[in-house]
Amino acid sequence: MSPREHVKVSELPPSPDLDTAVKRSLIMSKKDTVKGKRVLTNGGFLVVHHNAKKTKINATVHLKLTATRTLYCGASQSRGGGVPDADAVMDWLAKLCSSLQHKP
């Protein structure tokens, strides 16, 4: 399957810290392995994770819009036998979502 990306605004308060962003990113994938996590220069949070066999890989960015709204970017790819060159694809998905900017 080709990579997928979605951007949405949520009416949930922004993640206050990186650990909360990780927990929110893994809410539906609690057994996933976190490959990377970091605070972005725009104040957002990046979380990159995958399942055990790397048949599904994900990158998520959480970016504060207001005290009660968050902008999310999610990028993922899945493939039954495992995503080919999964680590490089995860890096690319992370770069894609990390490029998200909010200009008020």
N, C-alpha and C. Protein backbone atom coordinates (compact mmCIF):
# COMPACT_ATOMS: atom_id res chain seq x y z
N MET A 1 0.84 -1.18 0.00
CA MET A 1 0.00 0.00 0.00
C MET A 1 0.89 1.24 0.00
N SER A 2 0.47 2.26 -0.70
CA SER A 2 1.20 3.53 -0.76
C SER A 2 1.11 4.25 0.58
N PRO A 3 2.07 5.10 0.86
CA PRO A 3 1.99 5.89 2.10
C PRO A 3 0.73 6.75 2.12
N ARG A 4 0.22 6.98 3.31
CA ARG A 4 -0.96 7.82 3.50
C ARG A 4 -0.60 8.94 4.47
N GLU A 5 -1.24 10.09 4.24
CA GLU A 5 -1.04 11.21 5.14
C GLU A 5 -2.39 11.87 5.39
N HIS A 6 -2.57 12.34 6.60
CA HIS A 6 -3.76 13.12 6.91
C HIS A 6 -3.37 14.24 7.87
N VAL A 7 -4.04 15.35 7.71
CA VAL A 7 -3.87 16.49 8.59
C VAL A 7 -5.24 16.86 9.11
N LYS A 8 -5.36 17.04 10.42
CA LYS A 8 -6.66 17.39 11.00
C LYS A 8 -6.48 18.31 12.19
N VAL A 9 -7.53 19.04 12.48
CA VAL A 9 -7.59 19.88 13.67
C VAL A 9 -8.47 19.17 14.68
N SER A 10 -7.96 19.03 15.88
CA SER A 10 -8.69 18.37 16.95
C SER A 10 -9.10 19.41 18.00
N GLU A 11 -10.26 19.22 18.57
CA GLU A 11 -10.73 20.11 19.64
C GLU A 11 -10.21 19.66 21.01
N LEU A 12 -9.20 18.80 21.01
CA LEU A 12 -8.56 18.40 22.27
C LEU A 12 -7.45 19.38 22.60
N PRO A 13 -7.22 19.63 23.88
CA PRO A 13 -6.10 20.49 24.26
C PRO A 13 -4.78 19.88 23.75
N PRO A 14 -3.81 20.70 23.43
CA PRO A 14 -2.53 20.20 22.96
C PRO A 14 -1.82 19.35 24.01
N SER A 15 -0.97 18.46 23.54
CA SER A 15 -0.14 17.69 24.46
C SER A 15 0.78 18.65 25.20
N PRO A 16 0.83 18.59 26.53
CA PRO A 16 1.67 19.52 27.29
C PRO A 16 3.16 19.19 27.24
N ASP A 17 3.47 17.91 26.88
CA ASP A 17 4.87 17.49 26.86
C ASP A 17 5.03 16.31 25.92
N LEU A 18 6.28 15.93 25.69
CA LEU A 18 6.60 14.86 24.75
C LEU A 18 6.02 13.52 25.19
N ASP A 19 6.07 13.21 26.48
CA ASP A 19 5.54 11.93 26.96
C ASP A 19 4.04 11.81 26.69
N THR A 20 3.31 12.89 26.85
CA THR A 20 1.87 12.87 26.56
C THR A 20 1.64 12.68 25.07
N ALA A 21 2.44 13.31 24.23
CA ALA A 21 2.31 13.14 22.79
C ALA A 21 2.55 11.68 22.40
N VAL A 22 3.53 11.04 23.03
CA VAL A 22 3.80 9.63 22.75
C VAL A 22 2.58 8.79 23.13
N LYS A 23 2.03 9.00 24.32
CA LYS A 23 0.86 8.23 24.77
C LYS A 23 -0.31 8.42 23.81
N ARG A 24 -0.55 9.65 23.36
CA ARG A 24 -1.65 9.90 22.43
C ARG A 24 -1.40 9.26 21.08
N SER A 25 -0.15 9.24 20.64
CA SER A 25 0.18 8.62 19.36
C SER A 25 -0.02 7.11 19.39
N LEU A 26 0.18 6.51 20.55
CA LEU A 26 0.08 5.06 20.67
C LEU A 26 -1.26 4.59 21.20
N ILE A 27 -2.24 5.46 21.28
CA ILE A 27 -3.53 5.12 21.89
C ILE A 27 -4.17 3.89 21.23
N MET A 28 -4.02 3.74 19.93
CA MET A 28 -4.60 2.60 19.21
C MET A 28 -3.56 1.52 18.93
N SER A 29 -2.33 1.73 19.33
CA SER A 29 -1.23 0.82 18.99
C SER A 29 -0.31 0.65 20.19
N LYS A 30 -0.87 0.27 21.31
CA LYS A 30 -0.12 0.25 22.57
C LYS A 30 1.12 -0.65 22.54
N LYS A 31 1.14 -1.66 21.67
CA LYS A 31 2.28 -2.58 21.63
C LYS A 31 3.37 -2.13 20.65
N ASP A 32 3.17 -1.02 19.99
CA ASP A 32 4.15 -0.54 19.03
C ASP A 32 5.47 -0.16 19.70
N THR A 33 6.50 -0.19 18.90
CA THR A 33 7.83 0.24 19.32
C THR A 33 8.03 1.68 18.86
N VAL A 34 8.46 2.55 19.75
CA VAL A 34 8.73 3.93 19.40
C VAL A 34 10.15 3.99 18.83
N LYS A 35 10.26 4.36 17.56
CA LYS A 35 11.57 4.47 16.91
C LYS A 35 12.22 5.81 17.22
N GLY A 36 11.39 6.84 17.32
CA GLY A 36 11.93 8.16 17.60
C GLY A 36 10.88 9.08 18.16
N LYS A 37 11.33 10.05 18.94
CA LYS A 37 10.44 11.08 19.49
C LYS A 37 11.28 12.30 19.76
N ARG A 38 10.71 13.47 19.48
CA ARG A 38 11.46 14.69 19.75
C ARG A 38 10.55 15.91 19.74
N VAL A 39 11.05 16.96 20.38
CA VAL A 39 10.38 18.26 20.35
C VAL A 39 10.87 18.97 19.10
N LEU A 40 9.96 19.51 18.32
CA LEU A 40 10.30 20.21 17.08
C LEU A 40 10.60 21.68 17.34
N THR A 41 11.28 22.32 16.43
CA THR A 41 11.63 23.73 16.60
C THR A 41 10.40 24.63 16.62
N ASN A 42 9.28 24.17 16.05
CA ASN A 42 8.05 24.96 16.06
C ASN A 42 7.22 24.72 17.32
N GLY A 43 7.79 23.97 18.28
CA GLY A 43 7.09 23.70 19.54
C GLY A 43 6.23 22.46 19.51
N GLY A 44 6.14 21.83 18.36
CA GLY A 44 5.35 20.61 18.24
C GLY A 44 6.13 19.39 18.71
N PHE A 45 5.48 18.24 18.62
CA PHE A 45 6.10 16.98 19.04
C PHE A 45 5.99 15.99 17.88
N LEU A 46 7.07 15.24 17.64
CA LEU A 46 7.10 14.20 16.62
C LEU A 46 7.25 12.85 17.30
N VAL A 47 6.42 11.88 16.88
CA VAL A 47 6.52 10.51 17.38
C VAL A 47 6.52 9.58 16.18
N VAL A 48 7.52 8.70 16.09
CA VAL A 48 7.63 7.72 15.01
C VAL A 48 7.58 6.34 15.66
N HIS A 49 6.69 5.47 15.15
CA HIS A 49 6.54 4.15 15.76
C HIS A 49 6.13 3.11 14.73
N HIS A 50 6.30 1.83 15.10
CA HIS A 50 5.96 0.73 14.20
C HIS A 50 5.54 -0.49 15.02
N ASN A 51 4.82 -1.41 14.35
CA ASN A 51 4.46 -2.64 15.03
C ASN A 51 5.64 -3.61 14.97
N ALA A 52 5.50 -4.77 15.61
CA ALA A 52 6.62 -5.70 15.79
C ALA A 52 7.26 -6.15 14.48
N LYS A 53 6.47 -6.41 13.47
CA LYS A 53 7.00 -6.91 12.20
C LYS A 53 7.18 -5.82 11.15
N LYS A 54 6.98 -4.57 11.57
CA LYS A 54 7.08 -3.42 10.67
C LYS A 54 6.16 -3.57 9.45
N THR A 55 4.99 -4.17 9.71
CA THR A 55 3.98 -4.22 8.65
C THR A 55 3.17 -2.94 8.63
N LYS A 56 3.25 -2.14 9.71
CA LYS A 56 2.64 -0.82 9.76
C LYS A 56 3.60 0.13 10.47
N ILE A 57 3.92 1.22 9.79
CA ILE A 57 4.83 2.23 10.34
C ILE A 57 4.11 3.57 10.34
N ASN A 58 4.42 4.40 11.32
CA ASN A 58 3.69 5.66 11.52
C ASN A 58 4.61 6.79 11.97
N ALA A 59 4.23 7.99 11.57
CA ALA A 59 4.84 9.22 12.09
C ALA A 59 3.69 10.16 12.40
N THR A 60 3.73 10.79 13.56
CA THR A 60 2.68 11.72 13.97
C THR A 60 3.32 12.99 14.52
N VAL A 61 2.75 14.12 14.12
CA VAL A 61 3.16 15.41 14.68
C VAL A 61 1.97 16.03 15.38
N HIS A 62 2.20 16.54 16.58
CA HIS A 62 1.20 17.24 17.39
C HIS A 62 1.66 18.69 17.46
N LEU A 63 0.84 19.61 16.99
CA LEU A 63 1.22 21.02 16.96
C LEU A 63 0.11 21.86 17.59
N LYS A 64 0.46 22.62 18.61
CA LYS A 64 -0.50 23.47 19.32
C LYS A 64 -0.99 24.60 18.42
N LEU A 65 -2.33 24.73 18.32
CA LEU A 65 -2.93 25.87 17.63
C LEU A 65 -3.38 26.92 18.64
N THR A 66 -4.15 26.46 19.62
CA THR A 66 -4.63 27.33 20.70
C THR A 66 -4.62 26.50 21.98
N ALA A 67 -5.12 27.05 23.05
CA ALA A 67 -5.16 26.32 24.32
C ALA A 67 -6.11 25.12 24.26
N THR A 68 -7.01 25.11 23.27
CA THR A 68 -8.00 24.03 23.19
C THR A 68 -8.01 23.31 21.84
N ARG A 69 -7.07 23.61 20.97
CA ARG A 69 -7.05 22.99 19.64
C ARG A 69 -5.64 22.55 19.26
N THR A 70 -5.59 21.38 18.61
CA THR A 70 -4.32 20.81 18.18
C THR A 70 -4.39 20.46 16.70
N LEU A 71 -3.32 20.73 15.99
CA LEU A 71 -3.18 20.32 14.60
C LEU A 71 -2.35 19.04 14.58
N TYR A 72 -2.90 18.00 13.96
CA TYR A 72 -2.21 16.71 13.87
C TYR A 72 -1.86 16.41 12.43
N CYS A 73 -0.69 15.85 12.22
CA CYS A 73 -0.31 15.28 10.94
C CYS A 73 0.03 13.83 11.21
N GLY A 74 -0.59 12.94 10.49
CA GLY A 74 -0.28 11.53 10.62
C GLY A 74 0.09 10.97 9.25
N ALA A 75 1.20 10.26 9.19
CA ALA A 75 1.62 9.63 7.95
C ALA A 75 1.93 8.17 8.27
N SER A 76 1.52 7.27 7.39
CA SER A 76 1.73 5.85 7.67
C SER A 76 1.85 5.07 6.37
N GLN A 77 2.38 3.88 6.51
CA GLN A 77 2.41 2.94 5.40
C GLN A 77 2.27 1.55 6.00
N SER A 78 1.57 0.68 5.29
CA SER A 78 1.42 -0.70 5.75
C SER A 78 1.57 -1.65 4.56
N ARG A 79 2.04 -2.84 4.89
CA ARG A 79 2.20 -3.88 3.88
C ARG A 79 2.27 -5.22 4.59
N GLY A 80 1.52 -6.18 4.11
CA GLY A 80 1.39 -7.49 4.76
C GLY A 80 2.69 -8.17 5.12
N GLY A 81 3.66 -8.19 4.25
CA GLY A 81 4.92 -8.87 4.53
C GLY A 81 5.96 -7.98 5.17
N GLY A 82 5.57 -6.76 5.51
CA GLY A 82 6.50 -5.79 6.07
C GLY A 82 6.79 -4.71 5.05
N VAL A 83 6.96 -3.51 5.50
CA VAL A 83 7.23 -2.38 4.61
C VAL A 83 8.70 -2.47 4.19
N PRO A 84 8.97 -2.54 2.87
CA PRO A 84 10.36 -2.59 2.43
C PRO A 84 11.12 -1.34 2.86
N ASP A 85 12.35 -1.52 3.31
CA ASP A 85 13.21 -0.42 3.74
C ASP A 85 12.49 0.45 4.77
N ALA A 86 11.87 -0.21 5.75
CA ALA A 86 10.99 0.45 6.71
C ALA A 86 11.65 1.62 7.44
N ASP A 87 12.90 1.48 7.83
CA ASP A 87 13.56 2.57 8.57
C ASP A 87 13.68 3.83 7.72
N ALA A 88 14.04 3.67 6.46
CA ALA A 88 14.15 4.83 5.56
C ALA A 88 12.77 5.44 5.31
N VAL A 89 11.75 4.60 5.17
CA VAL A 89 10.39 5.12 4.96
C VAL A 89 9.91 5.86 6.20
N MET A 90 10.20 5.33 7.41
CA MET A 90 9.82 6.03 8.63
C MET A 90 10.49 7.40 8.71
N ASP A 91 11.76 7.47 8.31
CA ASP A 91 12.46 8.77 8.30
C ASP A 91 11.78 9.73 7.33
N TRP A 92 11.37 9.23 6.17
CA TRP A 92 10.71 10.07 5.17
C TRP A 92 9.34 10.54 5.68
N LEU A 93 8.56 9.63 6.31
CA LEU A 93 7.26 10.01 6.87
C LEU A 93 7.43 11.06 7.95
N ALA A 94 8.46 10.90 8.78
CA ALA A 94 8.73 11.88 9.84
C ALA A 94 9.07 13.24 9.24
N LYS A 95 9.88 13.25 8.19
CA LYS A 95 10.26 14.50 7.55
C LYS A 95 9.03 15.18 6.94
N LEU A 96 8.17 14.38 6.35
CA LEU A 96 6.94 14.90 5.75
C LEU A 96 6.08 15.62 6.79
N CYS A 97 5.77 14.95 7.90
CA CYS A 97 4.92 15.57 8.91
C CYS A 97 5.65 16.69 9.67
N SER A 98 6.95 16.57 9.84
CA SER A 98 7.71 17.61 10.55
C SER A 98 7.74 18.92 9.78
N SER A 99 7.47 18.86 8.49
CA SER A 99 7.49 20.09 7.69
C SER A 99 6.22 20.93 7.89
N LEU A 100 5.26 20.39 8.62
CA LEU A 100 4.00 21.10 8.89
C LEU A 100 4.27 22.38 9.66
N GLN A 101 3.71 23.47 9.21
CA GLN A 101 3.87 24.77 9.87
C GLN A 101 2.50 25.39 10.11
N HIS A 102 2.37 26.07 11.22
CA HIS A 102 1.14 26.82 11.52
C HIS A 102 1.49 28.29 11.53
N LYS A 103 0.82 29.04 10.68
CA LYS A 103 1.04 30.48 10.64
C LYS A 103 -0.27 31.17 11.01
N PRO A 104 -0.36 31.67 12.24
CA PRO A 104 -1.63 32.29 12.70
C PRO A 104 -1.99 33.54 11.92
